[in-house]
N, C-alpha and C. Protein backbone atom coordinates (compact mmCIF):
# COMPACT_ATOMS: atom_id res chain seq x y z
N UNK A 1 11.52 31.96 -5.92
CA UNK A 1 10.65 30.80 -5.79
C UNK A 1 10.59 30.07 -7.12
N UNK A 2 10.57 28.79 -7.03
CA UNK A 2 10.58 27.91 -8.17
C UNK A 2 9.17 27.76 -8.76
N UNK A 3 9.07 27.76 -10.06
CA UNK A 3 7.78 27.53 -10.70
C UNK A 3 7.59 26.02 -10.88
N UNK A 4 6.45 25.52 -10.43
CA UNK A 4 6.18 24.08 -10.48
C UNK A 4 5.16 23.77 -11.56
N UNK A 5 5.24 22.56 -12.07
CA UNK A 5 4.24 21.99 -12.95
C UNK A 5 3.66 20.79 -12.24
N UNK A 6 2.34 20.66 -12.30
CA UNK A 6 1.66 19.60 -11.57
C UNK A 6 0.94 18.65 -12.50
N UNK A 7 0.83 17.42 -12.08
CA UNK A 7 -0.03 16.44 -12.72
C UNK A 7 -1.19 16.18 -11.78
N UNK A 8 -2.37 16.03 -12.33
CA UNK A 8 -3.57 15.76 -11.55
C UNK A 8 -4.00 14.30 -11.69
N UNK A 9 -4.36 13.70 -10.58
CA UNK A 9 -4.97 12.38 -10.61
C UNK A 9 -6.26 12.44 -9.80
N UNK A 10 -7.13 11.48 -9.98
CA UNK A 10 -8.33 11.36 -9.17
C UNK A 10 -8.21 10.15 -8.29
N UNK A 11 -8.61 10.31 -7.05
CA UNK A 11 -8.63 9.21 -6.08
C UNK A 11 -10.01 9.15 -5.44
N UNK A 12 -10.38 7.95 -5.00
CA UNK A 12 -11.57 7.79 -4.17
C UNK A 12 -11.10 7.11 -2.89
N UNK A 13 -11.27 7.83 -1.78
CA UNK A 13 -10.93 7.27 -0.48
C UNK A 13 -12.20 6.79 0.22
N UNK A 14 -12.07 5.75 1.02
CA UNK A 14 -13.22 5.22 1.74
C UNK A 14 -12.87 5.02 3.22
N UNK A 15 -13.89 5.10 4.04
CA UNK A 15 -13.72 4.85 5.47
C UNK A 15 -15.07 4.46 6.05
N UNK A 16 -15.03 3.65 7.07
CA UNK A 16 -16.26 3.32 7.80
C UNK A 16 -16.53 4.33 8.90
N UNK A 17 -15.58 5.26 9.14
CA UNK A 17 -15.68 6.18 10.26
C UNK A 17 -16.09 7.60 9.88
N UNK A 18 -15.26 8.30 9.08
CA UNK A 18 -15.53 9.70 8.78
C UNK A 18 -15.03 10.05 7.36
N UNK A 19 -15.53 11.19 6.86
CA UNK A 19 -15.02 11.73 5.61
C UNK A 19 -13.53 12.04 5.71
N UNK A 20 -13.13 12.63 6.85
CA UNK A 20 -11.73 12.98 7.05
C UNK A 20 -10.84 11.75 6.98
N UNK A 21 -11.28 10.63 7.57
CA UNK A 21 -10.51 9.40 7.48
C UNK A 21 -10.42 8.90 6.04
N UNK A 22 -11.49 9.04 5.27
CA UNK A 22 -11.47 8.62 3.86
C UNK A 22 -10.43 9.44 3.09
N UNK A 23 -10.38 10.74 3.35
CA UNK A 23 -9.37 11.60 2.69
C UNK A 23 -7.98 11.18 3.12
N UNK A 24 -7.77 11.06 4.42
CA UNK A 24 -6.48 10.71 4.97
C UNK A 24 -5.96 9.38 4.42
N UNK A 25 -6.82 8.37 4.38
CA UNK A 25 -6.39 7.05 3.88
C UNK A 25 -5.99 7.12 2.42
N UNK A 26 -6.75 7.84 1.61
CA UNK A 26 -6.41 7.93 0.18
C UNK A 26 -5.08 8.64 -0.02
N UNK A 27 -4.84 9.74 0.69
CA UNK A 27 -3.59 10.48 0.55
C UNK A 27 -2.41 9.65 1.05
N UNK A 28 -2.57 9.00 2.19
CA UNK A 28 -1.48 8.18 2.74
C UNK A 28 -1.13 7.04 1.79
N UNK A 29 -2.15 6.41 1.22
CA UNK A 29 -1.89 5.31 0.29
C UNK A 29 -1.21 5.80 -0.98
N UNK A 30 -1.69 6.91 -1.54
CA UNK A 30 -1.08 7.45 -2.76
C UNK A 30 0.37 7.85 -2.52
N UNK A 31 0.67 8.36 -1.33
CA UNK A 31 2.03 8.80 -1.03
C UNK A 31 3.02 7.65 -0.94
N UNK A 32 2.53 6.43 -0.87
CA UNK A 32 3.43 5.27 -0.86
C UNK A 32 4.04 5.02 -2.23
N UNK A 33 3.39 5.49 -3.30
CA UNK A 33 3.89 5.23 -4.65
C UNK A 33 4.13 6.50 -5.47
N UNK A 34 3.70 7.65 -4.97
CA UNK A 34 3.88 8.91 -5.70
C UNK A 34 4.70 9.88 -4.83
N UNK A 35 5.59 10.62 -5.49
CA UNK A 35 6.37 11.64 -4.79
C UNK A 35 5.82 13.02 -5.17
N UNK A 36 6.04 13.98 -4.30
CA UNK A 36 5.70 15.35 -4.61
C UNK A 36 4.24 15.72 -4.45
N UNK A 37 3.47 14.91 -3.68
CA UNK A 37 2.06 15.26 -3.46
C UNK A 37 2.03 16.59 -2.71
N UNK A 38 1.27 17.54 -3.24
CA UNK A 38 1.23 18.86 -2.63
C UNK A 38 -0.15 19.32 -2.20
N UNK A 39 -1.22 18.91 -2.86
CA UNK A 39 -2.53 19.44 -2.52
C UNK A 39 -3.64 18.47 -2.99
N UNK A 40 -4.83 18.68 -2.44
CA UNK A 40 -5.99 17.93 -2.87
C UNK A 40 -7.21 18.81 -2.87
N UNK A 41 -8.21 18.41 -3.64
CA UNK A 41 -9.50 19.12 -3.69
C UNK A 41 -10.60 18.07 -3.71
N UNK A 42 -11.47 18.09 -2.72
CA UNK A 42 -12.60 17.17 -2.69
C UNK A 42 -13.62 17.61 -3.72
N UNK A 43 -13.98 16.69 -4.63
CA UNK A 43 -14.92 17.01 -5.70
C UNK A 43 -16.28 16.35 -5.49
N UNK A 44 -16.32 15.28 -4.74
CA UNK A 44 -17.61 14.61 -4.43
C UNK A 44 -17.50 13.93 -3.07
N UNK A 45 -18.61 13.89 -2.40
CA UNK A 45 -18.71 13.15 -1.15
C UNK A 45 -20.00 12.36 -1.18
N UNK A 46 -19.89 11.10 -0.82
CA UNK A 46 -21.08 10.23 -0.81
C UNK A 46 -20.84 9.11 0.21
N UNK A 47 -21.81 8.27 0.36
CA UNK A 47 -21.66 7.16 1.31
C UNK A 47 -22.62 6.04 1.01
N UNK A 48 -22.45 4.98 1.77
CA UNK A 48 -23.33 3.82 1.67
C UNK A 48 -24.22 3.76 2.89
N UNK A 49 -25.44 3.31 2.69
CA UNK A 49 -26.42 3.17 3.77
C UNK A 49 -26.86 1.73 3.80
N UNK A 50 -26.89 1.17 5.00
CA UNK A 50 -27.38 -0.20 5.18
C UNK A 50 -28.27 -0.21 6.42
N UNK A 51 -29.49 -0.69 6.27
CA UNK A 51 -30.46 -0.73 7.37
C UNK A 51 -30.63 0.64 8.04
N UNK A 52 -30.67 1.69 7.21
CA UNK A 52 -30.89 3.02 7.74
C UNK A 52 -29.71 3.67 8.43
N UNK A 53 -28.53 3.06 8.33
CA UNK A 53 -27.33 3.61 8.98
C UNK A 53 -26.22 3.79 7.95
N UNK A 54 -25.44 4.83 8.14
CA UNK A 54 -24.28 5.05 7.28
C UNK A 54 -23.23 4.00 7.59
N UNK A 55 -22.82 3.25 6.56
CA UNK A 55 -21.84 2.19 6.77
C UNK A 55 -20.49 2.48 6.13
N UNK A 56 -20.44 3.46 5.22
CA UNK A 56 -19.17 3.82 4.59
C UNK A 56 -19.26 5.22 4.02
N UNK A 57 -18.16 5.97 4.19
CA UNK A 57 -18.01 7.28 3.58
C UNK A 57 -17.08 7.14 2.40
N UNK A 58 -17.40 7.83 1.31
CA UNK A 58 -16.59 7.81 0.10
C UNK A 58 -16.33 9.26 -0.32
N UNK A 59 -15.08 9.56 -0.60
CA UNK A 59 -14.70 10.91 -1.00
C UNK A 59 -13.88 10.83 -2.28
N UNK A 60 -14.38 11.49 -3.32
CA UNK A 60 -13.67 11.58 -4.59
C UNK A 60 -12.88 12.89 -4.56
N UNK A 61 -11.62 12.85 -4.93
CA UNK A 61 -10.79 14.03 -4.88
C UNK A 61 -9.78 14.08 -6.01
N UNK A 62 -9.40 15.30 -6.35
CA UNK A 62 -8.29 15.53 -7.25
C UNK A 62 -7.08 15.76 -6.39
N UNK A 63 -5.96 15.15 -6.80
CA UNK A 63 -4.70 15.30 -6.07
C UNK A 63 -3.65 15.80 -7.05
N UNK A 64 -2.93 16.82 -6.63
CA UNK A 64 -1.88 17.38 -7.49
C UNK A 64 -0.52 16.99 -6.95
N UNK A 65 0.35 16.55 -7.86
CA UNK A 65 1.73 16.28 -7.46
C UNK A 65 2.67 16.92 -8.48
N UNK A 66 3.80 17.39 -7.91
CA UNK A 66 4.80 18.08 -8.71
C UNK A 66 5.50 17.12 -9.66
N UNK A 67 5.67 17.56 -10.89
CA UNK A 67 6.55 16.85 -11.82
C UNK A 67 7.96 17.25 -11.47
N UNK A 68 8.77 16.29 -11.13
CA UNK A 68 10.09 16.55 -10.57
C UNK A 68 11.20 16.39 -11.60
N UNK A 69 12.29 17.10 -11.30
CA UNK A 69 13.51 16.92 -12.05
C UNK A 69 14.21 15.69 -11.48
N UNK A 70 15.09 15.10 -12.26
CA UNK A 70 15.82 13.92 -11.77
C UNK A 70 16.58 14.27 -10.52
N UNK A 71 17.08 15.49 -10.39
CA UNK A 71 17.84 15.91 -9.22
C UNK A 71 16.98 15.97 -7.95
N UNK A 72 15.65 16.07 -8.12
CA UNK A 72 14.74 16.12 -6.98
C UNK A 72 14.45 14.75 -6.39
N UNK A 73 14.73 13.71 -7.15
CA UNK A 73 14.36 12.35 -6.72
C UNK A 73 15.30 11.75 -5.74
């Protein structure tokens, strides 16, 4: 098995529907410009309230991606 080195970034995903959608949207968007995304860890969850109703979910997460060799690209 190959030993990997990872870089960590922080993302904040948002959704009007669910926490899961906020996570999914952030990962899908990040994967458009980053290669080697392997894992995430939710570090904060919060939301917006308007007129007594939840109007947006926000999820802050750490995302790890592999530092690749040129041959991996």
